[in-house]
Protein backbone atom coordinates (compact mmCIF):
# COMPACT_ATOMS: atom_id res chain seq x y z
CA UNK A 1 83.51 68.07 79.99
CA UNK A 2 85.16 68.79 76.90
CA UNK A 3 84.39 72.02 75.11
CA UNK A 4 83.94 71.82 71.23
CA UNK A 5 84.52 75.29 69.93
CA UNK A 6 83.50 74.81 66.84
CA UNK A 7 80.14 74.84 67.51
CA UNK A 8 80.20 77.84 69.61
CA UNK A 9 81.91 80.29 67.19
CA UNK A 10 84.36 82.70 69.47
CA UNK A 11 84.99 84.36 66.68
CA UNK A 12 82.26 86.47 65.46
CA UNK A 13 82.10 88.29 63.00
CA UNK A 14 80.51 91.58 63.17
CA UNK A 15 76.89 91.24 61.99
CA UNK A 16 77.10 87.96 64.44
CA UNK A 17 78.60 90.38 66.96
CA UNK A 18 75.60 92.84 66.31
CA UNK A 19 73.08 90.15 66.36
CA UNK A 20 74.15 88.84 70.45
CA UNK A 21 74.74 92.38 71.57
CA UNK A 22 71.16 93.07 70.61
CA UNK A 23 69.98 89.52 72.48
CA UNK A 24 72.16 90.52 75.29
CA UNK A 25 70.31 93.59 75.48
CA UNK A 26 66.24 92.07 75.06
CA UNK A 27 67.50 88.62 76.84
CA UNK A 28 69.68 89.39 79.69
CA UNK A 29 70.62 93.10 80.68
CA UNK A 30 67.10 94.26 80.27
CA UNK A 31 65.02 91.74 82.28
CA UNK A 32 64.96 91.36 85.96
CA UNK A 33 68.42 90.93 87.56
CA UNK A 34 69.35 87.15 87.24
CA UNK A 35 72.25 85.43 86.65
CA UNK A 36 72.73 84.10 82.86
CA UNK A 37 74.58 81.28 81.77
CA UNK A 38 76.45 80.62 77.99
CA UNK A 39 78.77 78.35 76.64
CA UNK A 40 81.38 79.45 76.13
CA UNK A 41 85.19 78.72 74.86
CA UNK A 42 86.07 79.41 78.63
CA UNK A 43 83.71 76.57 79.55
CA UNK A 44 79.96 77.15 80.27
CA UNK A 45 79.81 79.87 82.56
CA UNK A 46 76.86 82.13 84.28
CA UNK A 47 77.61 85.71 85.57
CA UNK A 48 75.62 88.76 86.62
CA UNK A 49 72.68 89.95 84.07
CA UNK A 50 73.75 93.29 84.99
CA UNK A 51 77.59 93.41 84.57
CA UNK A 52 77.66 95.93 81.41
CA UNK A 53 81.77 94.74 81.07
CA UNK A 54 82.59 91.66 81.62
CA UNK A 55 79.22 89.82 81.37
CA UNK A 56 78.43 91.59 77.71
CA UNK A 57 81.83 90.16 76.69
CA UNK A 58 81.31 86.71 77.62
CA UNK A 59 77.66 86.51 75.81
CA UNK A 60 78.95 88.51 73.07
CA UNK A 61 82.16 86.41 71.94
CA UNK A 62 81.33 83.67 73.94
CA UNK A 63 84.63 83.32 75.58
CA UNK A 64 86.99 85.74 77.57
CA UNK A 65 90.57 86.07 76.72
CA UNK A 66 90.79 81.85 75.85
CA UNK A 67 93.23 83.04 72.77
CA UNK A 68 95.05 85.14 75.28
CA UNK A 69 95.18 82.34 77.14
CA UNK A 70 96.35 79.77 74.91
CA UNK A 71 98.93 81.74 72.96
CA UNK A 72 100.64 83.24 76.60
CA UNK A 73 100.91 79.02 78.17
CA UNK A 74 102.18 77.88 74.21
CA UNK A 75 105.16 80.78 74.33
CA UNK A 76 105.88 79.71 77.75
CA UNK A 77 106.07 76.11 77.00
CA UNK A 78 107.85 77.18 73.83
CA UNK A 79 110.56 79.54 75.55
CA UNK A 80 111.20 76.28 78.19
CA UNK A 81 110.09 78.40 81.44
CA UNK A 82 107.11 75.88 82.02
CA UNK A 83 108.76 73.44 84.89
CA UNK A 84 105.48 70.54 83.57
CA UNK A 85 104.35 69.70 80.48
CA UNK A 86 100.89 70.83 78.80
CA UNK A 87 97.99 69.26 81.19
CA UNK A 88 100.07 69.02 84.27
CA UNK A 89 100.89 71.57 87.10
CA UNK A 90 97.93 73.39 88.94
CA UNK A 91 97.56 77.05 88.07
CA UNK A 92 97.15 80.18 91.14
CA UNK A 93 94.33 82.12 90.01
CA UNK A 94 94.62 85.22 91.40
CA UNK A 95 91.42 87.46 91.26
CA UNK A 96 89.05 84.26 90.00
CA UNK A 97 86.58 86.33 89.37
CA UNK A 98 83.70 83.88 88.64
CA UNK A 99 86.14 81.50 86.88
CA UNK A 100 86.46 81.65 83.81
CA UNK A 101 90.15 81.92 83.33
CA UNK A 102 90.00 78.94 85.98
CA UNK A 103 87.75 76.97 84.06
CA UNK A 104 89.40 77.84 80.35
CA UNK A 105 92.58 76.47 81.68
CA UNK A 106 90.90 73.28 82.71
CA UNK A 107 88.87 72.39 79.82
CA UNK A 108 92.02 72.67 77.26
CA UNK A 109 94.38 70.72 79.36
CA UNK A 110 96.70 73.17 80.55
CA UNK A 111 97.39 72.33 84.00
CA UNK A 112 96.18 69.64 86.11
CA UNK A 113 94.57 71.52 88.44
CA UNK A 114 93.83 75.53 89.83
CA UNK A 115 93.95 77.65 92.97
CA UNK A 116 92.01 80.16 92.47
CA UNK A 117 91.71 83.04 95.29
CA UNK A 118 88.04 85.72 94.67
CA UNK A 119 87.30 87.65 97.86
CA UNK A 120 83.78 89.69 96.31
CA UNK A 121 81.02 86.90 98.15
CA UNK A 122 78.53 87.40 94.86
CA UNK A 123 81.46 86.17 92.53
CA UNK A 124 82.65 83.89 94.92
CA UNK A 125 79.23 82.46 94.66
CA UNK A 126 79.82 82.15 90.61
CA UNK A 127 82.99 81.04 90.58
CA UNK A 128 82.11 78.04 92.42
CA UNK A 129 78.75 77.06 90.28
CA UNK A 130 81.00 77.63 87.37
CA UNK A 131 83.85 75.32 88.63
CA UNK A 132 80.82 72.96 88.97
CA UNK A 133 78.89 72.71 86.40
CA UNK A 134 81.81 71.84 84.33
CA UNK A 135 82.69 69.35 86.75
CA UNK A 136 85.47 70.74 87.60
CA UNK A 137 85.24 70.00 91.42
CA UNK A 138 88.15 67.63 91.96
CA UNK A 139 90.70 70.24 89.72
CA UNK A 140 89.88 73.51 91.33
CA UNK A 141 90.59 73.89 94.20
CA UNK A 142 88.53 78.11 95.39
CA UNK A 143 89.02 80.39 98.34
CA UNK A 144 87.12 83.43 99.35
CA UNK A 145 89.38 86.01 100.15
CA UNK A 146 91.98 88.80 98.62
CA UNK A 147 95.67 87.86 98.01
CA UNK A 148 97.62 91.26 99.90
CA UNK A 149 101.08 91.41 102.09
CA UNK A 150 99.12 90.65 105.17
CA UNK A 151 95.99 89.44 106.96
CA UNK A 152 93.47 91.64 107.94
CA UNK A 153 90.51 93.19 106.34
CA UNK A 154 90.48 95.06 103.29
CA UNK A 155 88.00 97.93 101.71
CA UNK A 156 86.61 96.41 98.46
CA UNK A 157 85.72 99.25 96.04
CA UNK A 158 82.02 97.70 94.08
CA UNK A 159 81.79 99.12 90.05
CA UNK A 160 78.77 99.19 89.19
CA UNK A 161 78.83 98.59 85.49
CA UNK A 162 82.25 96.01 85.16
CA UNK A 163 82.01 93.80 87.60
CA UNK A 164 84.80 92.12 86.41
CA UNK A 165 86.43 96.38 87.52
CA UNK A 166 85.85 95.81 91.36
CA UNK A 167 89.01 97.13 93.39
CA UNK A 168 90.98 97.35 96.49
CA UNK A 169 90.76 100.68 98.00
CA UNK A 170 93.65 102.39 98.81
CA UNK A 171 94.17 104.57 101.86
CA UNK A 172 95.98 107.11 99.49
CA UNK A 173 93.42 110.02 99.53
CA UNK A 174 94.65 111.73 96.87
CA UNK A 175 94.47 109.15 94.25
CA UNK A 176 92.86 109.73 91.06
CA UNK A 177 89.31 109.11 90.60
CA UNK A 178 88.62 109.15 86.74
CA UNK A 179 85.87 106.00 86.91
CA UNK A 180 84.57 107.82 89.77
CA UNK A 181 85.55 104.86 92.15
CA UNK A 182 85.13 107.76 95.34
CA UNK A 183 81.67 107.32 95.08
CA UNK A 184 81.60 103.36 94.94
CA UNK A 185 80.25 101.32 97.21
CA UNK A 186 82.52 99.64 99.17
CA UNK A 187 82.20 96.41 101.55
CA UNK A 188 85.45 94.23 103.77
CA UNK A 189 86.56 91.76 102.50
CA UNK A 190 89.36 89.31 103.85
CA UNK A 191 92.36 89.38 102.42
CA UNK A 192 96.10 87.59 103.45
CA UNK A 193 98.95 86.64 102.28
CA UNK A 194 100.28 83.89 99.90
CA UNK A 195 103.07 83.23 102.53
CA UNK A 196 100.56 83.56 105.21
CA UNK A 197 98.06 81.29 103.67
CA UNK A 198 101.12 78.75 102.74
CA UNK A 199 102.55 79.02 105.92
CA UNK A 200 99.42 77.82 107.89
CA UNK A 201 98.93 75.00 105.74
CA UNK A 202 95.33 76.58 104.27
CA UNK A 203 96.83 76.24 101.11
CA UNK A 204 98.75 72.68 99.81
CA UNK A 205 101.16 71.33 97.03
CA UNK A 206 102.44 74.56 96.18
CA UNK A 207 105.46 72.40 94.53
CA UNK A 208 102.95 71.52 91.65
CA UNK A 209 102.81 75.04 91.13
CA UNK A 210 103.58 76.16 88.24
CA UNK A 211 102.29 79.60 86.91
CA UNK A 212 100.63 82.38 88.25
CA UNK A 213 97.79 83.87 86.47
CA UNK A 214 97.17 87.13 88.46
CA UNK A 215 94.32 90.23 87.12
CA UNK A 216 93.82 92.15 90.58
CA UNK A 217 93.03 95.62 89.44
CA UNK A 218 96.32 96.61 90.87
CA UNK A 219 96.83 95.39 93.59
CA UNK A 220 99.30 92.76 92.19
CA UNK A 221 102.67 94.71 93.90
CA UNK A 222 100.78 93.73 97.12
CA UNK A 223 100.39 90.26 96.12
CA UNK A 224 104.12 90.00 94.94
CA UNK A 225 104.85 91.78 98.16
CA UNK A 226 102.63 89.34 99.99
CA UNK A 227 104.21 85.62 98.23
CA UNK A 228 107.70 87.28 98.28
CA UNK A 229 108.81 83.76 100.05
CA UNK A 230 107.51 81.68 97.87
CA UNK A 231 108.45 83.21 94.82
CA UNK A 232 112.26 83.11 96.67
CA UNK A 233 112.04 79.41 97.07
CA UNK A 234 110.23 79.04 93.32
CA UNK A 235 112.54 81.31 90.87
CA UNK A 236 111.02 78.72 88.57
CA UNK A 237 107.62 79.94 88.22
CA UNK A 238 106.65 82.71 85.97
CA UNK A 239 103.90 85.29 86.36
CA UNK A 240 101.85 85.88 84.09
CA UNK A 241 99.95 89.36 85.23
CA UNK A 242 97.74 92.62 84.02
CA UNK A 243 99.42 95.46 84.14
CA UNK A 244 97.68 98.74 84.58
CA UNK A 245 99.72 102.32 85.95
CA UNK A 246 96.46 103.59 87.03
CA UNK A 247 94.80 100.99 88.72
CA UNK A 248 98.77 100.59 89.87
CA UNK A 249 99.76 104.28 91.05
CA UNK A 250 95.41 103.79 92.87
CA UNK A 251 96.57 100.82 94.73
CA UNK A 252 98.72 102.78 97.01
CA UNK A 253 102.00 101.73 96.48
CA UNK A 254 104.81 103.75 94.66
CA UNK A 255 105.84 102.63 91.40
CA UNK A 256 109.42 102.92 92.26
CA UNK A 257 108.37 100.58 94.90
CA UNK A 258 106.73 97.85 92.70
CA UNK A 259 109.72 98.05 90.19
CA UNK A 260 112.30 97.08 92.58
CA UNK A 261 110.02 94.47 93.81
CA UNK A 262 109.97 93.17 90.87
CA UNK A 263 113.51 93.29 90.36
CA UNK A 264 114.50 91.55 93.42
CA UNK A 265 112.93 88.83 92.37
CA UNK A 266 112.50 88.30 88.17
CA UNK A 267 115.12 89.70 85.78
CA UNK A 268 113.48 89.70 82.89
CA UNK A 269 109.77 90.27 81.12
CA UNK A 270 107.75 90.01 78.22
CA UNK A 271 104.90 91.48 76.67
CA UNK A 272 102.48 89.64 75.33
CA UNK A 273 100.95 92.27 73.14
CA UNK A 274 104.33 92.29 71.64
CA UNK A 275 103.94 90.01 68.38
CA UNK A 276 107.96 89.66 68.36
CA UNK A 277 107.81 88.68 71.65
CA UNK A 278 110.94 90.08 72.22
CA UNK A 279 112.86 89.77 76.14
CA UNK A 280 113.61 92.28 78.27
CA UNK A 281 115.23 93.36 81.45
CA UNK A 282 113.34 94.26 84.48
CA UNK A 283 115.92 96.78 84.27
CA UNK A 284 113.55 98.46 81.58
CA UNK A 285 110.49 98.08 82.98
CA UNK A 286 109.90 101.25 85.07
CA UNK A 287 110.63 102.93 81.23
CA UNK A 288 107.60 100.51 80.12
CA UNK A 289 105.29 101.43 82.98
CA UNK A 290 106.04 105.45 82.71
CA UNK A 291 105.38 104.51 78.63
CA UNK A 292 101.51 103.01 79.51
CA UNK A 293 100.94 106.30 82.38
CA UNK A 294 102.00 108.99 80.24
CA UNK A 295 98.98 107.64 78.10
CA UNK A 296 96.11 110.39 77.80
CA UNK A 297 93.70 107.04 77.89
CA UNK A 298 93.63 105.96 81.72
CA UNK A 299 92.42 102.27 80.77
CA UNK A 300 96.32 102.01 78.86
CA UNK A 301 98.01 98.70 79.94
CA UNK A 302 99.05 95.74 78.93
CA UNK A 303 99.42 92.03 79.97
CA UNK A 304 103.03 91.01 80.87
CA UNK A 305 105.33 88.19 81.63
CA UNK A 306 107.40 88.14 84.68
CA UNK A 307 110.20 85.47 84.69
CA UNK A 308 113.36 84.96 86.30
CA UNK A 309 116.19 83.32 84.33
CA UNK A 310 117.89 81.05 86.73
């Protein structure tokens, strides 16, 4: 499937955005709950009509992080940080949600294959549907599981209005609740580590993995901890991850532990928001963490690229 971006207008101006917002409210959100479907730069995407954040972004803007995804992959190729040429290799999509990253990467031919992980049963159903309706079943493998630091069950808190912000709940009772997380409904989800799944041969063809793309709402440190053996053996695989100190603090992992863990596996990082593309040592990661952490806005964060220069 080839997406004709010129026919989508995924850079809408002010008036088109307003028109789409009005349509979203009356044609999607205010109707009885249903699965809405729209063609986007990321492919044909179906989403829950009551998702006021991610669903609305997809409907109004007709893409989700598409430009950032393309920019990040192009940048990694420009610095020779991806071990395979464009259109080859596999992306590990950790926190796949409804599949917009996997479909976007596949349809733009950034990678040949994707392995996606999504623990929430409802999101997983939409992930499977979106993979199928974009005719990508032969290229995307999906797993209904959370990637963490060990095998077991985890408590998963569900956001009422932003279905892309469901999170693994920490047992830390002193966690802040600036988004009323403590009042969220919870379910139990299955979890395992990447190292554990590889050892059990549930994840195959690992030598073709070129990139880890991760958005797990603060649980990033636990993924890295549970993937340490894999990352040590594959030092040339970069990670692109959401870097959100508020959510990372709520995860229960001490920031010093997180920085130490990352510094053992990677020696440099880039901020995707940095237009100058300045490479920084992971020795500076604590300062960067605390800069974002000190913001008066609890949603302050970034997307960073972790690299191991070899």
